[in-house]
Amino acid sequence: MGRVVHSSDSSVAADVELGRHSTGLKSLGLTIAECYEEVGLLLLFLGVGISIFATVVFTLERDLPATTFTSVPAAWWWATTSMTTVGYGDVRPDTAAGKVLAFLCILSGILILALPIAIINERFSACYLTMRVKDAAARQSEMLKRLARGSVGGWAREGREEEA
């Protein structure tokens, strides 16, 4: 019925080759290259916030009998999913203080993510527009060269043959 396609090195190379011709992928790469400081600050702020919230929630929740915060890495997982607003629900605080801390964790995650993402989005839009304009100019230049050579669609050659 259907065919199973296996990934191989040649398909990865084909994906990379396609990326060279995709304006969106080129713009994304250029944006990341231009915004490495903002991306670095975003990761730094997230890392610091996750570490602080994980430590505090573990301290608040660890003495409960049926707690899901059995270790600092488990609390780190909770803080990561909460700050990035994924929130799987597999680990959650049970105390009132833990729930207030969860609210602050989620709120700070939204604020930390919102500022750099807006900057990165603006740069991506500018890069994308620039790449589209450059691609259109390159296509137009190529078409003008082909037109000058008389090789566009064969109609220029036919006209010359009729004159002779």
N, C-alpha and C. Protein backbone atom coordinates (compact mmCIF):
# COMPACT_ATOMS: atom_id res chain seq x y z
N MET A 1 0.82 -1.18 0.00
CA MET A 1 0.00 0.00 0.00
C MET A 1 0.87 1.26 0.00
N GLY A 2 1.64 1.49 1.07
CA GLY A 2 2.51 2.64 1.11
C GLY A 2 3.95 2.19 1.20
N ARG A 3 4.84 3.09 0.87
CA ARG A 3 6.25 2.78 0.93
C ARG A 3 6.87 3.43 2.14
N VAL A 4 7.75 2.72 2.81
CA VAL A 4 8.49 3.28 3.93
C VAL A 4 9.77 3.88 3.38
N VAL A 5 9.98 5.12 3.69
CA VAL A 5 11.17 5.81 3.21
C VAL A 5 12.15 5.88 4.36
N HIS A 6 13.34 5.39 4.14
CA HIS A 6 14.38 5.42 5.17
C HIS A 6 15.25 6.64 4.99
N SER A 7 15.60 7.26 6.11
CA SER A 7 16.47 8.42 6.06
C SER A 7 17.90 7.96 5.85
N SER A 8 18.61 8.66 5.04
CA SER A 8 20.01 8.33 4.80
C SER A 8 20.80 9.61 4.67
N ASP A 9 22.10 9.45 4.51
CA ASP A 9 22.95 10.62 4.35
C ASP A 9 22.59 11.41 3.10
N SER A 10 22.17 10.72 2.06
CA SER A 10 21.83 11.41 0.82
C SER A 10 20.58 12.27 0.99
N SER A 11 19.62 11.79 1.82
CA SER A 11 18.42 12.61 2.03
C SER A 11 18.73 13.82 2.88
N VAL A 12 19.65 13.68 3.82
CA VAL A 12 20.06 14.84 4.63
C VAL A 12 20.76 15.86 3.73
N ALA A 13 21.61 15.36 2.83
CA ALA A 13 22.28 16.26 1.89
C ALA A 13 21.27 16.95 0.99
N ALA A 14 20.23 16.21 0.59
CA ALA A 14 19.19 16.82 -0.24
C ALA A 14 18.44 17.90 0.54
N ASP A 15 18.19 17.67 1.83
CA ASP A 15 17.52 18.67 2.65
C ASP A 15 18.38 19.92 2.77
N VAL A 16 19.69 19.74 2.95
CA VAL A 16 20.59 20.88 3.03
C VAL A 16 20.59 21.63 1.70
N GLU A 17 20.60 20.89 0.59
CA GLU A 17 20.56 21.51 -0.73
C GLU A 17 19.27 22.30 -0.92
N LEU A 18 18.15 21.74 -0.46
CA LEU A 18 16.88 22.46 -0.56
C LEU A 18 16.91 23.72 0.29
N GLY A 19 17.59 23.66 1.44
CA GLY A 19 17.69 24.82 2.31
C GLY A 19 18.39 25.99 1.65
N ARG A 20 19.30 25.70 0.74
CA ARG A 20 19.99 26.78 0.04
C ARG A 20 19.04 27.55 -0.87
N HIS A 21 18.01 26.88 -1.37
CA HIS A 21 17.09 27.51 -2.31
C HIS A 21 15.83 28.05 -1.65
N SER A 22 15.66 27.80 -0.37
CA SER A 22 14.48 28.26 0.35
C SER A 22 14.75 29.61 1.00
N THR A 23 13.98 30.59 0.62
CA THR A 23 14.15 31.93 1.17
C THR A 23 13.90 31.93 2.67
N GLY A 24 12.88 31.18 3.11
CA GLY A 24 12.57 31.14 4.53
C GLY A 24 13.67 30.53 5.36
N LEU A 25 14.26 29.42 4.89
CA LEU A 25 15.34 28.78 5.64
C LEU A 25 16.60 29.62 5.64
N LYS A 26 16.90 30.26 4.51
CA LYS A 26 18.05 31.15 4.48
C LYS A 26 17.84 32.32 5.44
N SER A 27 16.63 32.84 5.47
CA SER A 27 16.33 33.96 6.37
C SER A 27 16.44 33.54 7.83
N LEU A 28 15.98 32.33 8.13
CA LEU A 28 16.08 31.83 9.50
C LEU A 28 17.53 31.70 9.93
N GLY A 29 18.36 31.13 9.06
CA GLY A 29 19.78 31.01 9.37
C GLY A 29 20.45 32.36 9.55
N LEU A 30 20.13 33.29 8.69
CA LEU A 30 20.69 34.63 8.79
C LEU A 30 20.22 35.34 10.05
N THR A 31 18.96 35.15 10.39
CA THR A 31 18.41 35.76 11.60
C THR A 31 19.10 35.23 12.84
N ILE A 32 19.29 33.92 12.91
CA ILE A 32 19.96 33.33 14.08
C ILE A 32 21.40 33.83 14.16
N ALA A 33 22.05 33.95 13.00
CA ALA A 33 23.43 34.45 13.00
C ALA A 33 23.48 35.90 13.46
N GLU A 34 22.50 36.69 13.08
CA GLU A 34 22.48 38.10 13.47
C GLU A 34 22.03 38.30 14.92
N CYS A 35 21.21 37.39 15.44
CA CYS A 35 20.62 37.55 16.76
C CYS A 35 21.24 36.62 17.80
N TYR A 36 22.49 36.22 17.59
CA TYR A 36 23.08 35.27 18.53
C TYR A 36 23.17 35.85 19.94
N GLU A 37 23.34 37.15 20.08
CA GLU A 37 23.40 37.75 21.41
C GLU A 37 22.04 37.68 22.09
N GLU A 38 20.97 37.98 21.35
CA GLU A 38 19.63 37.91 21.93
C GLU A 38 19.26 36.48 22.29
N VAL A 39 19.60 35.53 21.42
CA VAL A 39 19.31 34.12 21.70
C VAL A 39 20.12 33.67 22.92
N GLY A 40 21.37 34.10 23.00
CA GLY A 40 22.20 33.76 24.16
C GLY A 40 21.63 34.33 25.45
N LEU A 41 21.19 35.59 25.41
CA LEU A 41 20.58 36.20 26.60
C LEU A 41 19.28 35.49 26.98
N LEU A 42 18.50 35.11 25.98
CA LEU A 42 17.27 34.37 26.23
C LEU A 42 17.57 33.08 26.96
N LEU A 43 18.53 32.32 26.47
CA LEU A 43 18.90 31.06 27.11
C LEU A 43 19.48 31.28 28.50
N LEU A 44 20.28 32.34 28.67
CA LEU A 44 20.84 32.65 29.98
C LEU A 44 19.74 32.99 30.98
N PHE A 45 18.82 33.87 30.60
CA PHE A 45 17.73 34.25 31.50
C PHE A 45 16.84 33.06 31.84
N LEU A 46 16.56 32.24 30.83
CA LEU A 46 15.76 31.04 31.10
C LEU A 46 16.49 30.09 32.05
N GLY A 47 17.77 29.89 31.82
CA GLY A 47 18.55 29.00 32.68
C GLY A 47 18.59 29.47 34.12
N VAL A 48 18.82 30.77 34.31
CA VAL A 48 18.86 31.32 35.67
C VAL A 48 17.48 31.23 36.32
N GLY A 49 16.44 31.61 35.59
CA GLY A 49 15.09 31.54 36.15
C GLY A 49 14.68 30.11 36.49
N ILE A 50 14.98 29.18 35.61
CA ILE A 50 14.64 27.78 35.86
C ILE A 50 15.37 27.27 37.09
N SER A 51 16.64 27.60 37.22
CA SER A 51 17.43 27.15 38.37
C SER A 51 16.88 27.72 39.68
N ILE A 52 16.54 29.00 39.67
CA ILE A 52 16.00 29.62 40.89
C ILE A 52 14.65 29.02 41.26
N PHE A 53 13.73 28.95 40.30
CA PHE A 53 12.41 28.42 40.60
C PHE A 53 12.45 26.94 40.98
N ALA A 54 13.33 26.17 40.35
CA ALA A 54 13.43 24.75 40.68
C ALA A 54 13.92 24.56 42.11
N THR A 55 14.91 25.34 42.50
CA THR A 55 15.45 25.22 43.85
C THR A 55 14.42 25.62 44.91
N VAL A 56 13.71 26.71 44.65
CA VAL A 56 12.72 27.19 45.62
C VAL A 56 11.55 26.22 45.73
N VAL A 57 11.03 25.72 44.61
CA VAL A 57 9.89 24.81 44.67
C VAL A 57 10.29 23.48 45.30
N PHE A 58 11.50 23.02 45.06
CA PHE A 58 11.95 21.79 45.71
C PHE A 58 12.03 21.99 47.22
N THR A 59 12.52 23.14 47.65
CA THR A 59 12.60 23.43 49.08
C THR A 59 11.21 23.49 49.70
N LEU A 60 10.24 24.06 49.00
CA LEU A 60 8.88 24.18 49.52
C LEU A 60 8.14 22.84 49.55
N GLU A 61 8.35 22.00 48.57
CA GLU A 61 7.51 20.81 48.36
C GLU A 61 8.16 19.49 48.80
N ARG A 62 9.42 19.46 49.13
CA ARG A 62 10.11 18.18 49.34
C ARG A 62 9.65 17.42 50.57
N ASP A 63 9.11 18.08 51.58
CA ASP A 63 8.73 17.40 52.81
C ASP A 63 7.32 16.81 52.77
N LEU A 64 6.57 17.03 51.71
CA LEU A 64 5.23 16.46 51.60
C LEU A 64 5.33 14.96 51.32
N PRO A 65 4.39 14.15 51.88
CA PRO A 65 4.49 12.70 51.72
C PRO A 65 4.35 12.21 50.27
N ALA A 66 3.44 12.75 49.51
CA ALA A 66 3.21 12.26 48.14
C ALA A 66 3.67 13.29 47.10
N THR A 67 4.78 13.91 47.36
CA THR A 67 5.26 14.97 46.45
C THR A 67 5.81 14.38 45.16
N THR A 68 5.66 15.14 44.10
CA THR A 68 6.25 14.75 42.83
C THR A 68 7.64 15.35 42.67
N PHE A 69 8.03 16.21 43.60
CA PHE A 69 9.35 16.83 43.58
C PHE A 69 10.30 15.99 44.41
N THR A 70 10.73 14.89 43.85
CA THR A 70 11.58 13.94 44.57
C THR A 70 13.05 14.33 44.53
N SER A 71 13.43 15.18 43.61
CA SER A 71 14.82 15.61 43.49
C SER A 71 14.87 16.98 42.83
N VAL A 72 16.04 17.59 42.87
CA VAL A 72 16.21 18.88 42.22
C VAL A 72 16.06 18.74 40.69
N PRO A 73 16.58 17.66 40.06
CA PRO A 73 16.34 17.52 38.61
C PRO A 73 14.85 17.41 38.27
N ALA A 74 14.06 16.75 39.12
CA ALA A 74 12.60 16.69 38.88
C ALA A 74 12.00 18.09 38.98
N ALA A 75 12.48 18.89 39.92
CA ALA A 75 12.01 20.26 40.05
C ALA A 75 12.49 21.11 38.88
N TRP A 76 13.68 20.80 38.38
CA TRP A 76 14.20 21.52 37.23
C TRP A 76 13.34 21.23 36.00
N TRP A 77 12.90 19.97 35.86
CA TRP A 77 12.00 19.60 34.76
C TRP A 77 10.70 20.40 34.87
N TRP A 78 10.14 20.48 36.08
CA TRP A 78 8.90 21.23 36.28
C TRP A 78 9.11 22.71 35.92
N ALA A 79 10.22 23.29 36.39
CA ALA A 79 10.46 24.71 36.11
C ALA A 79 10.67 24.95 34.62
N THR A 80 11.32 24.01 33.94
CA THR A 80 11.53 24.16 32.50
C THR A 80 10.21 24.13 31.75
N THR A 81 9.36 23.16 32.05
CA THR A 81 8.08 23.07 31.35
C THR A 81 7.15 24.22 31.74
N SER A 82 7.28 24.71 32.94
CA SER A 82 6.43 25.84 33.37
C SER A 82 6.88 27.15 32.75
N MET A 83 8.17 27.42 32.76
CA MET A 83 8.65 28.70 32.23
C MET A 83 8.49 28.79 30.71
N THR A 84 8.58 27.68 30.03
CA THR A 84 8.39 27.69 28.59
C THR A 84 6.93 27.50 28.21
N THR A 85 6.05 27.50 29.18
CA THR A 85 4.59 27.39 29.06
C THR A 85 4.14 26.12 28.35
N VAL A 86 4.93 25.04 28.47
CA VAL A 86 4.51 23.76 27.94
C VAL A 86 3.58 23.10 28.94
N GLY A 87 4.02 23.00 30.20
CA GLY A 87 3.20 22.53 31.30
C GLY A 87 2.56 21.17 31.10
N TYR A 88 3.34 20.10 31.13
CA TYR A 88 2.79 18.77 30.92
C TYR A 88 1.82 18.34 32.03
N GLY A 89 2.03 18.80 33.24
CA GLY A 89 1.15 18.42 34.35
C GLY A 89 1.59 17.17 35.08
N ASP A 90 2.70 16.57 34.66
CA ASP A 90 3.17 15.37 35.33
C ASP A 90 3.81 15.69 36.68
N VAL A 91 4.36 16.88 36.83
CA VAL A 91 4.94 17.34 38.09
C VAL A 91 4.29 18.68 38.39
N ARG A 92 3.71 18.77 39.60
CA ARG A 92 3.04 20.03 39.96
C ARG A 92 3.08 20.22 41.48
N PRO A 93 3.12 21.45 41.91
CA PRO A 93 3.14 21.72 43.36
C PRO A 93 1.77 21.47 43.99
N ASP A 94 1.79 21.09 45.26
CA ASP A 94 0.54 20.81 45.98
C ASP A 94 0.22 21.85 47.05
N THR A 95 1.22 22.54 47.57
CA THR A 95 0.97 23.53 48.61
C THR A 95 0.53 24.86 48.00
N ALA A 96 -0.10 25.69 48.84
CA ALA A 96 -0.53 27.01 48.36
C ALA A 96 0.67 27.86 47.96
N ALA A 97 1.73 27.80 48.75
CA ALA A 97 2.94 28.56 48.43
C ALA A 97 3.55 28.05 47.12
N GLY A 98 3.52 26.75 46.90
CA GLY A 98 4.03 26.17 45.66
C GLY A 98 3.22 26.61 44.45
N LYS A 99 1.91 26.72 44.64
CA LYS A 99 1.05 27.16 43.53
C LYS A 99 1.26 28.63 43.20
N VAL A 100 1.49 29.45 44.22
CA VAL A 100 1.81 30.86 43.98
C VAL A 100 3.15 30.96 43.26
N LEU A 101 4.11 30.14 43.68
CA LEU A 101 5.41 30.12 43.02
C LEU A 101 5.27 29.65 41.57
N ALA A 102 4.39 28.69 41.33
CA ALA A 102 4.14 28.22 39.96
C ALA A 102 3.59 29.35 39.10
N PHE A 103 2.67 30.13 39.65
CA PHE A 103 2.13 31.27 38.92
C PHE A 103 3.24 32.26 38.58
N LEU A 104 4.10 32.57 39.54
CA LEU A 104 5.20 33.50 39.29
C LEU A 104 6.19 32.93 38.27
N CYS A 105 6.41 31.63 38.33
CA CYS A 105 7.31 30.97 37.38
C CYS A 105 6.76 31.09 35.95
N ILE A 106 5.49 30.80 35.79
CA ILE A 106 4.88 30.88 34.46
C ILE A 106 4.86 32.32 33.95
N LEU A 107 4.49 33.25 34.81
CA LEU A 107 4.47 34.66 34.43
C LEU A 107 5.85 35.16 34.03
N SER A 108 6.86 34.82 34.82
CA SER A 108 8.21 35.27 34.47
C SER A 108 8.68 34.60 33.18
N GLY A 109 8.29 33.37 32.95
CA GLY A 109 8.65 32.71 31.69
C GLY A 109 8.06 33.42 30.49
N ILE A 110 6.80 33.82 30.62
CA ILE A 110 6.16 34.56 29.52
C ILE A 110 6.89 35.88 29.27
N LEU A 111 7.23 36.59 30.33
CA LEU A 111 7.90 37.87 30.17
C LEU A 111 9.31 37.70 29.63
N ILE A 112 10.02 36.68 30.10
CA ILE A 112 11.39 36.45 29.63
C ILE A 112 11.39 36.08 28.15
N LEU A 113 10.42 35.28 27.72
CA LEU A 113 10.35 34.85 26.33
C LEU A 113 9.84 35.96 25.41
N ALA A 114 8.96 36.80 25.90
CA ALA A 114 8.30 37.78 25.04
C ALA A 114 9.24 38.83 24.48
N LEU A 115 10.14 39.34 25.28
CA LEU A 115 10.98 40.44 24.82
C LEU A 115 11.97 40.02 23.73
N PRO A 116 12.78 38.99 23.94
CA PRO A 116 13.71 38.63 22.85
C PRO A 116 13.00 38.07 21.62
N ILE A 117 11.89 37.37 21.81
CA ILE A 117 11.18 36.80 20.66
C ILE A 117 10.67 37.92 19.75
N ALA A 118 10.22 39.01 20.33
CA ALA A 118 9.76 40.14 19.51
C ALA A 118 10.91 40.72 18.69
N ILE A 119 12.08 40.83 19.28
CA ILE A 119 13.25 41.35 18.56
C ILE A 119 13.65 40.39 17.44
N ILE A 120 13.70 39.10 17.77
CA ILE A 120 14.09 38.09 16.78
C ILE A 120 13.08 38.05 15.64
N ASN A 121 11.79 38.16 15.96
CA ASN A 121 10.75 38.17 14.93
C ASN A 121 10.92 39.36 13.99
N GLU A 122 11.21 40.52 14.54
CA GLU A 122 11.40 41.72 13.72
C GLU A 122 12.59 41.55 12.78
N ARG A 123 13.68 40.99 13.30
CA ARG A 123 14.85 40.76 12.45
C ARG A 123 14.57 39.72 11.38
N PHE A 124 13.82 38.67 11.75
CA PHE A 124 13.47 37.64 10.76
C PHE A 124 12.65 38.26 9.63
N SER A 125 11.67 39.09 9.98
CA SER A 125 10.84 39.73 8.96
C SER A 125 11.67 40.59 8.03
N ALA A 126 12.62 41.34 8.59
CA ALA A 126 13.48 42.19 7.77
C ALA A 126 14.38 41.33 6.88
N CYS A 127 14.97 40.28 7.43
CA CYS A 127 15.83 39.39 6.63
C CYS A 127 15.04 38.71 5.53
N TYR A 128 13.84 38.27 5.86
CA TYR A 128 13.01 37.57 4.89
C TYR A 128 12.65 38.50 3.72
N LEU A 129 12.26 39.72 4.05
CA LEU A 129 11.93 40.69 3.00
C LEU A 129 13.15 40.99 2.14
N THR A 130 14.30 41.18 2.76
CA THR A 130 15.54 41.44 2.01
C THR A 130 15.88 40.28 1.09
N MET A 131 15.76 39.05 1.61
CA MET A 131 16.07 37.87 0.79
C MET A 131 15.09 37.74 -0.37
N ARG A 132 13.82 38.02 -0.13
CA ARG A 132 12.83 37.94 -1.21
C ARG A 132 13.14 38.95 -2.31
N VAL A 133 13.51 40.17 -1.91
CA VAL A 133 13.84 41.20 -2.89
C VAL A 133 15.08 40.80 -3.68
N LYS A 134 16.10 40.26 -2.99
CA LYS A 134 17.32 39.83 -3.68
C LYS A 134 17.03 38.68 -4.64
N ASP A 135 16.21 37.73 -4.21
CA ASP A 135 15.85 36.60 -5.08
C ASP A 135 15.09 37.07 -6.31
N ALA A 136 14.16 38.01 -6.10
CA ALA A 136 13.39 38.54 -7.24
C ALA A 136 14.31 39.29 -8.20
N ALA A 137 15.26 40.06 -7.66
CA ALA A 137 16.19 40.79 -8.51
C ALA A 137 17.09 39.82 -9.28
N ALA A 138 17.53 38.75 -8.64
CA ALA A 138 18.36 37.76 -9.32
C ALA A 138 17.58 37.06 -10.43
N ARG A 139 16.33 36.72 -10.17
CA ARG A 139 15.49 36.09 -11.21
C ARG A 139 15.27 37.04 -12.37
N GLN A 140 15.02 38.31 -12.08
CA GLN A 140 14.80 39.29 -13.13
C GLN A 140 16.08 39.49 -13.95
N SER A 141 17.21 39.55 -13.29
CA SER A 141 18.48 39.70 -13.98
C SER A 141 18.75 38.51 -14.89
N GLU A 142 18.49 37.30 -14.38
CA GLU A 142 18.68 36.09 -15.19
C GLU A 142 17.74 36.10 -16.39
N MET A 143 16.52 36.51 -16.19
CA MET A 143 15.56 36.54 -17.29
C MET A 143 15.97 37.57 -18.34
N LEU A 144 16.48 38.72 -17.90
CA LEU A 144 16.95 39.73 -18.86
C LEU A 144 18.15 39.22 -19.65
N LYS A 145 19.06 38.49 -19.00
CA LYS A 145 20.20 37.91 -19.70
C LYS A 145 19.74 36.89 -20.74
N ARG A 146 18.78 36.05 -20.33
CA ARG A 146 18.26 35.05 -21.27
C ARG A 146 17.52 35.71 -22.43
N LEU A 147 16.81 36.77 -22.13
CA LEU A 147 16.11 37.51 -23.18
C LEU A 147 17.10 38.13 -24.16
N ALA A 148 18.19 38.67 -23.63
CA ALA A 148 19.20 39.28 -24.49
C ALA A 148 19.88 38.23 -25.37
N ARG A 149 20.04 37.02 -24.85
CA ARG A 149 20.63 35.94 -25.64
C ARG A 149 19.63 35.34 -26.60
N GLY A 150 18.37 35.62 -26.38
CA GLY A 150 17.33 35.08 -27.25
C GLY A 150 16.95 33.66 -26.91
N SER A 151 17.06 33.28 -25.65
CA SER A 151 16.76 31.89 -25.30
C SER A 151 15.57 31.77 -24.36
N VAL A 152 14.70 32.75 -24.32
CA VAL A 152 13.52 32.68 -23.45
C VAL A 152 12.39 32.03 -24.22
N GLY A 153 12.06 30.81 -23.87
CA GLY A 153 10.91 30.13 -24.44
C GLY A 153 11.02 29.82 -25.92
N GLY A 154 12.11 30.11 -26.53
CA GLY A 154 12.29 29.79 -27.94
C GLY A 154 11.66 30.80 -28.88
N TRP A 155 10.85 31.75 -28.41
CA TRP A 155 10.16 32.67 -29.31
C TRP A 155 11.12 33.67 -29.95
N ALA A 156 12.20 34.02 -29.26
CA ALA A 156 13.13 34.99 -29.85
C ALA A 156 13.89 34.35 -31.01
N ARG A 157 14.23 33.04 -30.87
CA ARG A 157 14.94 32.36 -31.95
C ARG A 157 14.04 32.20 -33.17
N GLU A 158 12.76 31.90 -32.93
CA GLU A 158 11.83 31.72 -34.05
C GLU A 158 11.69 33.00 -34.85
N GLY A 159 11.65 34.14 -34.15
CA GLY A 159 11.53 35.42 -34.84
C GLY A 159 12.75 35.69 -35.70
N ARG A 160 13.94 35.34 -35.24
CA ARG A 160 15.16 35.56 -36.00
C ARG A 160 15.21 34.64 -37.22
N GLU A 161 14.73 33.41 -37.06
CA GLU A 161 14.74 32.47 -38.16
C GLU A 161 13.81 32.94 -39.27
N GLU A 162 12.69 33.55 -38.92
CA GLU A 162 11.75 34.03 -39.92
C GLU A 162 12.32 35.20 -40.71
N GLU A 163 13.17 36.03 -40.04
CA GLU A 163 13.77 37.17 -40.71
C GLU A 163 14.78 36.72 -41.76
N ALA A 164 15.46 35.60 -41.53
CA ALA A 164 16.54 35.15 -42.41
C ALA A 164 16.04 34.49 -43.66
